[in-house]
């Protein structure tokens, strides 16, 4: 009887150990792997959206304006003397032009929200005065 009880207990503990390991992998996936893949997709979308005329910064810190785009490379113009160099698309770190547009859109939305809030407050005050 003692042997059967010990075997049943070991079977239960091995099952709980397997569940804990699977749980740890699930936690690792949701905390580390998934956010990294999401960030990589966003970076790739940004690199694919680079257009002629955009101001970019490379991973090496070179700033320039995109002159020509190809499938996997870009030609950028840097400095006052307008030097041109070819870089790979994967070397783009920041699209400054897109960031400026995004920031301008956010500021416009914030200003519109503040204006709507002020108008609502003025309408409420007008209603309370009448």
N, C-alpha and C. Protein backbone atom coordinates (compact mmCIF):
# COMPACT_ATOMS: atom_id res chain seq x y z
N UNK A 1 0.82 -1.19 0.00
CA UNK A 1 0.00 0.00 0.00
C UNK A 1 0.87 1.26 0.00
N UNK A 2 1.94 1.24 0.74
CA UNK A 2 2.84 2.37 0.81
C UNK A 2 3.46 2.68 -0.55
N UNK A 3 3.81 1.65 -1.29
CA UNK A 3 4.41 1.80 -2.62
C UNK A 3 3.46 2.51 -3.58
N UNK A 4 2.17 2.13 -3.55
CA UNK A 4 1.18 2.75 -4.44
C UNK A 4 0.97 4.23 -4.11
N UNK A 5 0.98 4.56 -2.85
CA UNK A 5 0.81 5.96 -2.44
C UNK A 5 2.00 6.79 -2.90
N UNK A 6 3.21 6.27 -2.76
CA UNK A 6 4.41 7.00 -3.17
C UNK A 6 4.42 7.20 -4.68
N UNK A 7 4.01 6.21 -5.45
CA UNK A 7 3.98 6.32 -6.90
C UNK A 7 2.95 7.36 -7.33
N UNK A 8 1.81 7.38 -6.70
CA UNK A 8 0.77 8.36 -7.03
C UNK A 8 1.24 9.77 -6.72
N UNK A 9 1.96 9.95 -5.63
CA UNK A 9 2.46 11.26 -5.26
C UNK A 9 3.52 11.73 -6.26
N UNK A 10 4.40 10.85 -6.69
CA UNK A 10 5.41 11.23 -7.67
C UNK A 10 4.78 11.59 -9.00
N UNK A 11 3.76 10.87 -9.40
CA UNK A 11 3.06 11.19 -10.65
C UNK A 11 2.42 12.56 -10.58
N UNK A 12 1.86 12.91 -9.45
CA UNK A 12 1.24 14.23 -9.27
C UNK A 12 2.27 15.34 -9.28
N UNK A 13 3.43 15.09 -8.65
CA UNK A 13 4.45 16.13 -8.60
C UNK A 13 5.10 16.35 -9.97
N UNK A 14 5.25 15.28 -10.75
CA UNK A 14 5.82 15.46 -12.09
C UNK A 14 4.84 16.21 -12.99
N UNK A 15 3.56 15.96 -12.80
CA UNK A 15 2.55 16.69 -13.58
C UNK A 15 2.58 18.19 -13.23
N UNK A 16 2.69 18.50 -11.95
CA UNK A 16 2.74 19.91 -11.54
C UNK A 16 4.02 20.57 -12.04
N UNK A 17 5.11 19.80 -12.09
CA UNK A 17 6.37 20.34 -12.60
C UNK A 17 6.24 20.68 -14.09
N UNK A 18 5.62 19.82 -14.85
CA UNK A 18 5.40 20.08 -16.28
C UNK A 18 4.53 21.31 -16.47
N UNK A 19 3.49 21.44 -15.66
CA UNK A 19 2.60 22.61 -15.76
C UNK A 19 3.37 23.89 -15.42
N UNK A 20 4.26 23.84 -14.42
CA UNK A 20 5.05 25.02 -14.06
C UNK A 20 6.00 25.42 -15.18
N UNK A 21 6.63 24.43 -15.82
CA UNK A 21 7.56 24.72 -16.92
C UNK A 21 6.81 25.34 -18.09
N UNK A 22 5.67 24.79 -18.44
CA UNK A 22 4.85 25.34 -19.53
C UNK A 22 4.41 26.76 -19.17
N UNK A 23 4.04 26.96 -17.92
CA UNK A 23 3.65 28.30 -17.46
C UNK A 23 4.79 29.30 -17.58
N UNK A 24 6.00 28.86 -17.23
CA UNK A 24 7.17 29.75 -17.34
C UNK A 24 7.44 30.13 -18.80
N UNK A 25 7.31 29.15 -19.71
CA UNK A 25 7.49 29.46 -21.12
C UNK A 25 6.43 30.44 -21.61
N UNK A 26 5.21 30.29 -21.14
CA UNK A 26 4.14 31.21 -21.53
C UNK A 26 4.43 32.62 -21.03
N UNK A 27 4.89 32.73 -19.81
CA UNK A 27 5.23 34.04 -19.25
C UNK A 27 6.39 34.67 -20.02
N UNK A 28 7.40 33.87 -20.34
CA UNK A 28 8.54 34.38 -21.11
C UNK A 28 8.09 34.87 -22.48
N UNK A 29 7.18 34.14 -23.10
CA UNK A 29 6.69 34.53 -24.42
C UNK A 29 5.99 35.87 -24.35
N UNK A 30 5.07 36.03 -23.40
CA UNK A 30 4.29 37.26 -23.34
C UNK A 30 5.07 38.46 -22.81
N UNK A 31 6.11 38.22 -22.01
CA UNK A 31 6.88 39.34 -21.46
C UNK A 31 8.10 39.71 -22.29
N UNK A 32 8.64 38.76 -23.07
CA UNK A 32 9.88 39.06 -23.78
C UNK A 32 9.77 38.90 -25.29
N UNK A 33 9.31 37.79 -25.76
CA UNK A 33 9.35 37.49 -27.19
C UNK A 33 8.32 38.30 -27.95
N UNK A 34 7.09 38.32 -27.48
CA UNK A 34 6.01 39.01 -28.19
C UNK A 34 6.27 40.52 -28.34
N UNK A 35 6.65 41.24 -27.26
CA UNK A 35 6.94 42.66 -27.43
C UNK A 35 8.10 42.93 -28.40
N UNK A 36 9.11 42.07 -28.37
CA UNK A 36 10.25 42.24 -29.28
C UNK A 36 9.82 42.08 -30.73
N UNK A 37 8.98 41.08 -31.01
CA UNK A 37 8.50 40.88 -32.38
C UNK A 37 7.65 42.06 -32.83
N UNK A 38 6.85 42.60 -31.92
CA UNK A 38 6.02 43.77 -32.25
C UNK A 38 6.90 44.97 -32.59
N UNK A 39 7.95 45.18 -31.80
CA UNK A 39 8.88 46.28 -32.05
C UNK A 39 9.57 46.10 -33.40
N UNK A 40 9.98 44.86 -33.72
CA UNK A 40 10.63 44.59 -35.00
C UNK A 40 9.70 44.87 -36.17
N UNK A 41 8.42 44.52 -36.04
CA UNK A 41 7.46 44.79 -37.11
C UNK A 41 7.29 46.29 -37.32
N UNK A 42 7.23 47.05 -36.22
CA UNK A 42 7.11 48.51 -36.32
C UNK A 42 8.34 49.12 -37.00
N UNK A 43 9.53 48.64 -36.63
CA UNK A 43 10.75 49.14 -37.25
C UNK A 43 10.79 48.82 -38.73
N UNK A 44 10.39 47.62 -39.10
CA UNK A 44 10.38 47.23 -40.51
C UNK A 44 9.38 48.06 -41.29
N UNK A 45 8.21 48.33 -40.71
CA UNK A 45 7.21 49.16 -41.38
C UNK A 45 7.75 50.57 -41.58
N UNK A 46 8.48 51.09 -40.58
CA UNK A 46 9.08 52.42 -40.70
C UNK A 46 10.12 52.43 -41.82
N UNK A 47 10.94 51.40 -41.88
CA UNK A 47 11.98 51.34 -42.93
C UNK A 47 11.36 51.20 -44.31
N UNK A 48 10.28 50.45 -44.42
CA UNK A 48 9.61 50.30 -45.71
C UNK A 48 8.90 51.57 -46.15
N UNK A 49 8.54 52.44 -45.19
CA UNK A 49 7.81 53.66 -45.50
C UNK A 49 8.71 54.85 -45.83
N UNK A 50 10.03 54.65 -45.80
CA UNK A 50 10.96 55.75 -46.12
C UNK A 50 10.76 56.14 -47.58
N UNK A 51 10.61 57.45 -47.81
CA UNK A 51 10.37 57.98 -49.15
C UNK A 51 11.45 58.99 -49.51
N UNK A 52 11.49 59.35 -50.77
CA UNK A 52 12.41 60.39 -51.23
C UNK A 52 12.04 61.71 -50.54
N UNK A 53 13.04 62.39 -50.00
CA UNK A 53 12.81 63.66 -49.33
C UNK A 53 12.77 63.54 -47.82
N UNK A 54 12.69 62.33 -47.28
CA UNK A 54 12.66 62.14 -45.82
C UNK A 54 14.04 62.37 -45.23
N UNK A 55 14.07 62.97 -44.05
CA UNK A 55 15.30 63.12 -43.28
C UNK A 55 15.42 61.89 -42.39
N UNK A 56 16.56 61.18 -42.48
CA UNK A 56 16.73 59.97 -41.70
C UNK A 56 18.03 60.03 -40.90
N UNK A 57 18.11 59.16 -39.89
CA UNK A 57 19.34 58.95 -39.13
C UNK A 57 19.64 57.46 -39.18
N UNK A 58 20.88 57.12 -39.49
CA UNK A 58 21.26 55.71 -39.59
C UNK A 58 21.69 55.18 -38.22
N UNK A 59 21.88 53.86 -38.13
CA UNK A 59 22.31 53.28 -36.87
C UNK A 59 23.73 53.71 -36.51
N UNK A 60 24.47 54.21 -37.48
CA UNK A 60 25.82 54.72 -37.24
C UNK A 60 25.83 56.18 -36.87
N UNK A 61 24.67 56.83 -36.87
CA UNK A 61 24.58 58.23 -36.49
C UNK A 61 24.68 59.21 -37.65
N UNK A 62 24.68 58.73 -38.87
CA UNK A 62 24.77 59.60 -40.04
C UNK A 62 23.37 60.14 -40.34
N UNK A 63 23.26 61.46 -40.44
CA UNK A 63 21.99 62.10 -40.77
C UNK A 63 22.02 62.53 -42.23
N UNK A 64 20.91 62.37 -42.92
CA UNK A 64 20.87 62.77 -44.32
C UNK A 64 19.46 62.77 -44.86
N UNK A 65 19.36 63.25 -46.09
CA UNK A 65 18.09 63.34 -46.78
C UNK A 65 18.07 62.28 -47.88
N UNK A 66 16.99 61.51 -47.96
CA UNK A 66 16.89 60.43 -48.94
C UNK A 66 16.72 61.04 -50.33
N UNK A 67 17.59 60.63 -51.26
CA UNK A 67 17.55 61.12 -52.63
C UNK A 67 16.93 60.08 -53.56
N UNK A 68 17.30 58.81 -53.35
CA UNK A 68 16.81 57.72 -54.20
C UNK A 68 16.52 56.52 -53.32
N UNK A 69 15.43 55.82 -53.65
CA UNK A 69 15.12 54.59 -52.93
C UNK A 69 15.14 53.43 -53.90
N UNK A 70 15.65 52.32 -53.43
CA UNK A 70 15.64 51.08 -54.18
C UNK A 70 15.03 50.02 -53.27
N UNK A 71 14.95 48.80 -53.76
CA UNK A 71 14.30 47.74 -53.00
C UNK A 71 14.95 47.52 -51.64
N UNK A 72 16.27 47.39 -51.60
CA UNK A 72 16.93 47.10 -50.34
C UNK A 72 18.00 48.14 -49.96
N UNK A 73 18.06 49.25 -50.68
CA UNK A 73 19.05 50.26 -50.35
C UNK A 73 18.49 51.66 -50.61
N UNK A 74 19.18 52.64 -50.05
CA UNK A 74 18.81 54.05 -50.20
C UNK A 74 20.07 54.83 -50.55
N UNK A 75 19.89 55.93 -51.24
CA UNK A 75 20.99 56.86 -51.45
C UNK A 75 20.60 58.13 -50.70
N UNK A 76 21.49 58.52 -49.77
CA UNK A 76 21.20 59.72 -48.98
C UNK A 76 22.23 60.79 -49.28
N UNK A 77 21.83 62.02 -49.04
CA UNK A 77 22.67 63.19 -49.25
C UNK A 77 22.95 63.78 -47.88
N UNK A 78 24.23 63.96 -47.55
CA UNK A 78 24.60 64.46 -46.23
C UNK A 78 25.44 65.71 -46.34
N UNK A 79 25.40 66.50 -45.29
CA UNK A 79 26.27 67.65 -45.16
C UNK A 79 25.96 68.79 -46.11
N UNK A 80 26.67 69.89 -45.89
CA UNK A 80 26.50 71.09 -46.70
C UNK A 80 27.06 70.91 -48.10
N UNK A 81 28.07 70.06 -48.24
CA UNK A 81 28.66 69.84 -49.56
C UNK A 81 27.93 68.76 -50.35
N UNK A 82 26.83 68.28 -49.81
CA UNK A 82 25.90 67.36 -50.48
C UNK A 82 26.57 66.07 -50.94
N UNK A 83 27.32 65.47 -50.05
CA UNK A 83 27.91 64.16 -50.35
C UNK A 83 26.79 63.12 -50.42
N UNK A 84 26.91 62.20 -51.36
CA UNK A 84 25.92 61.14 -51.49
C UNK A 84 26.55 59.82 -51.10
N UNK A 85 25.77 59.01 -50.41
CA UNK A 85 26.25 57.67 -50.05
C UNK A 85 25.09 56.69 -50.09
N UNK A 86 25.44 55.45 -50.42
CA UNK A 86 24.42 54.42 -50.47
C UNK A 86 24.46 53.65 -49.15
N UNK A 87 23.28 53.44 -48.58
CA UNK A 87 23.16 52.65 -47.35
C UNK A 87 22.11 51.58 -47.56
N UNK A 88 22.17 50.55 -46.76
CA UNK A 88 21.16 49.51 -46.79
C UNK A 88 19.95 49.99 -45.99
N UNK A 89 18.78 49.51 -46.38
CA UNK A 89 17.54 49.91 -45.72
C UNK A 89 17.53 49.52 -44.25
N UNK A 90 18.14 48.38 -43.91
CA UNK A 90 18.14 47.93 -42.53
C UNK A 90 18.95 48.84 -41.62
N UNK A 91 19.77 49.72 -42.19
CA UNK A 91 20.62 50.61 -41.39
C UNK A 91 19.89 51.88 -40.95
N UNK A 92 18.64 52.07 -41.39
CA UNK A 92 17.88 53.25 -40.98
C UNK A 92 17.38 53.04 -39.56
N UNK A 93 17.70 53.99 -38.68
CA UNK A 93 17.26 53.88 -37.30
C UNK A 93 16.03 54.74 -37.04
N UNK A 94 16.05 55.98 -37.54
CA UNK A 94 14.96 56.92 -37.28
C UNK A 94 14.60 57.64 -38.57
N UNK A 95 13.30 57.75 -38.83
CA UNK A 95 12.82 58.58 -39.93
C UNK A 95 12.36 59.88 -39.29
N UNK A 96 13.22 60.90 -39.30
CA UNK A 96 12.94 62.16 -38.61
C UNK A 96 11.71 62.87 -39.19
N UNK A 97 11.53 62.80 -40.50
CA UNK A 97 10.40 63.46 -41.14
C UNK A 97 9.09 62.85 -40.66
N UNK A 98 9.02 61.53 -40.60
CA UNK A 98 7.80 60.85 -40.14
C UNK A 98 7.55 61.16 -38.67
N UNK A 99 8.61 61.24 -37.86
CA UNK A 99 8.46 61.57 -36.45
C UNK A 99 7.92 62.99 -36.28
N UNK A 100 8.40 63.93 -37.11
CA UNK A 100 7.91 65.30 -37.03
C UNK A 100 6.44 65.37 -37.42
N UNK A 101 6.05 64.62 -38.46
CA UNK A 101 4.63 64.60 -38.86
C UNK A 101 3.76 64.03 -37.75
N UNK A 102 4.22 62.94 -37.15
CA UNK A 102 3.46 62.31 -36.07
C UNK A 102 3.32 63.24 -34.88
N UNK A 103 4.39 63.94 -34.54
CA UNK A 103 4.34 64.88 -33.43
C UNK A 103 3.40 66.05 -33.75
N UNK A 104 3.41 66.54 -34.98
CA UNK A 104 2.51 67.62 -35.38
C UNK A 104 1.05 67.17 -35.31
N UNK A 105 0.78 65.93 -35.73
CA UNK A 105 -0.58 65.41 -35.65
C UNK A 105 -1.04 65.30 -34.20
N UNK A 106 -0.14 64.84 -33.32
CA UNK A 106 -0.48 64.73 -31.89
C UNK A 106 -0.76 66.09 -31.29
N UNK A 107 0.06 67.08 -31.63
CA UNK A 107 -0.16 68.44 -31.12
C UNK A 107 -1.47 69.02 -31.63
N UNK A 108 -1.80 68.77 -32.89
CA UNK A 108 -3.06 69.26 -33.45
C UNK A 108 -4.24 68.60 -32.75
N UNK A 109 -4.15 67.31 -32.49
CA UNK A 109 -5.23 66.61 -31.79
C UNK A 109 -5.36 67.13 -30.36
N UNK A 110 -4.25 67.38 -29.70
CA UNK A 110 -4.27 67.91 -28.34
C UNK A 110 -4.89 69.31 -28.33
N UNK A 111 -4.52 70.14 -29.30
CA UNK A 111 -5.07 71.49 -29.38
C UNK A 111 -6.58 71.45 -29.65
N UNK A 112 -7.01 70.54 -30.52
CA UNK A 112 -8.43 70.41 -30.81
C UNK A 112 -9.20 69.95 -29.58
N UNK A 113 -8.62 69.04 -28.81
CA UNK A 113 -9.27 68.58 -27.58
C UNK A 113 -9.38 69.70 -26.56
N UNK A 114 -8.33 70.49 -26.43
CA UNK A 114 -8.36 71.62 -25.49
C UNK A 114 -9.39 72.66 -25.92
N UNK A 115 -9.47 72.91 -27.23
CA UNK A 115 -10.44 73.88 -27.75
C UNK A 115 -11.87 73.39 -27.49
N UNK A 116 -12.11 72.10 -27.72
CA UNK A 116 -13.45 71.54 -27.47
C UNK A 116 -13.79 71.62 -25.99
N UNK A 117 -12.80 71.38 -25.14
CA UNK A 117 -13.02 71.45 -23.69
C UNK A 117 -13.34 72.88 -23.27
N UNK A 118 -12.62 73.87 -23.84
CA UNK A 118 -12.87 75.27 -23.52
C UNK A 118 -14.26 75.70 -24.00
N UNK A 119 -14.65 75.25 -25.20
CA UNK A 119 -15.98 75.58 -25.72
C UNK A 119 -17.08 74.97 -24.85
N UNK A 120 -16.87 73.75 -24.40
CA UNK A 120 -17.84 73.08 -23.55
C UNK A 120 -17.97 73.82 -22.23
N UNK A 121 -16.84 74.25 -21.68
CA UNK A 121 -16.84 74.99 -20.42
C UNK A 121 -17.55 76.33 -20.59
N UNK A 122 -17.29 77.02 -21.72
CA UNK A 122 -17.93 78.30 -21.98
C UNK A 122 -19.45 78.12 -22.14
N UNK A 123 -19.86 77.05 -22.82
CA UNK A 123 -21.28 76.80 -23.00
C UNK A 123 -21.95 76.50 -21.66
N UNK A 124 -21.25 75.79 -20.78
CA UNK A 124 -21.80 75.48 -19.46
C UNK A 124 -21.93 76.75 -18.63
N UNK A 125 -20.93 77.63 -18.68
CA UNK A 125 -20.99 78.88 -17.95
C UNK A 125 -22.12 79.77 -18.46
N UNK A 126 -22.29 79.78 -19.77
CA UNK A 126 -23.36 80.58 -20.38
C UNK A 126 -24.72 80.05 -19.93
N UNK A 127 -24.84 78.73 -19.88
CA UNK A 127 -26.09 78.11 -19.44
C UNK A 127 -26.35 78.43 -17.96
N UNK A 128 -25.32 78.41 -17.12
CA UNK A 128 -25.48 78.70 -15.70
C UNK A 128 -25.82 80.17 -15.47
N UNK A 129 -25.32 81.08 -16.31
CA UNK A 129 -25.63 82.51 -16.18
C UNK A 129 -27.06 82.82 -16.58
N UNK A 130 -27.64 82.06 -17.46
CA UNK A 130 -29.03 82.30 -17.89
C UNK A 130 -29.95 81.70 -16.93
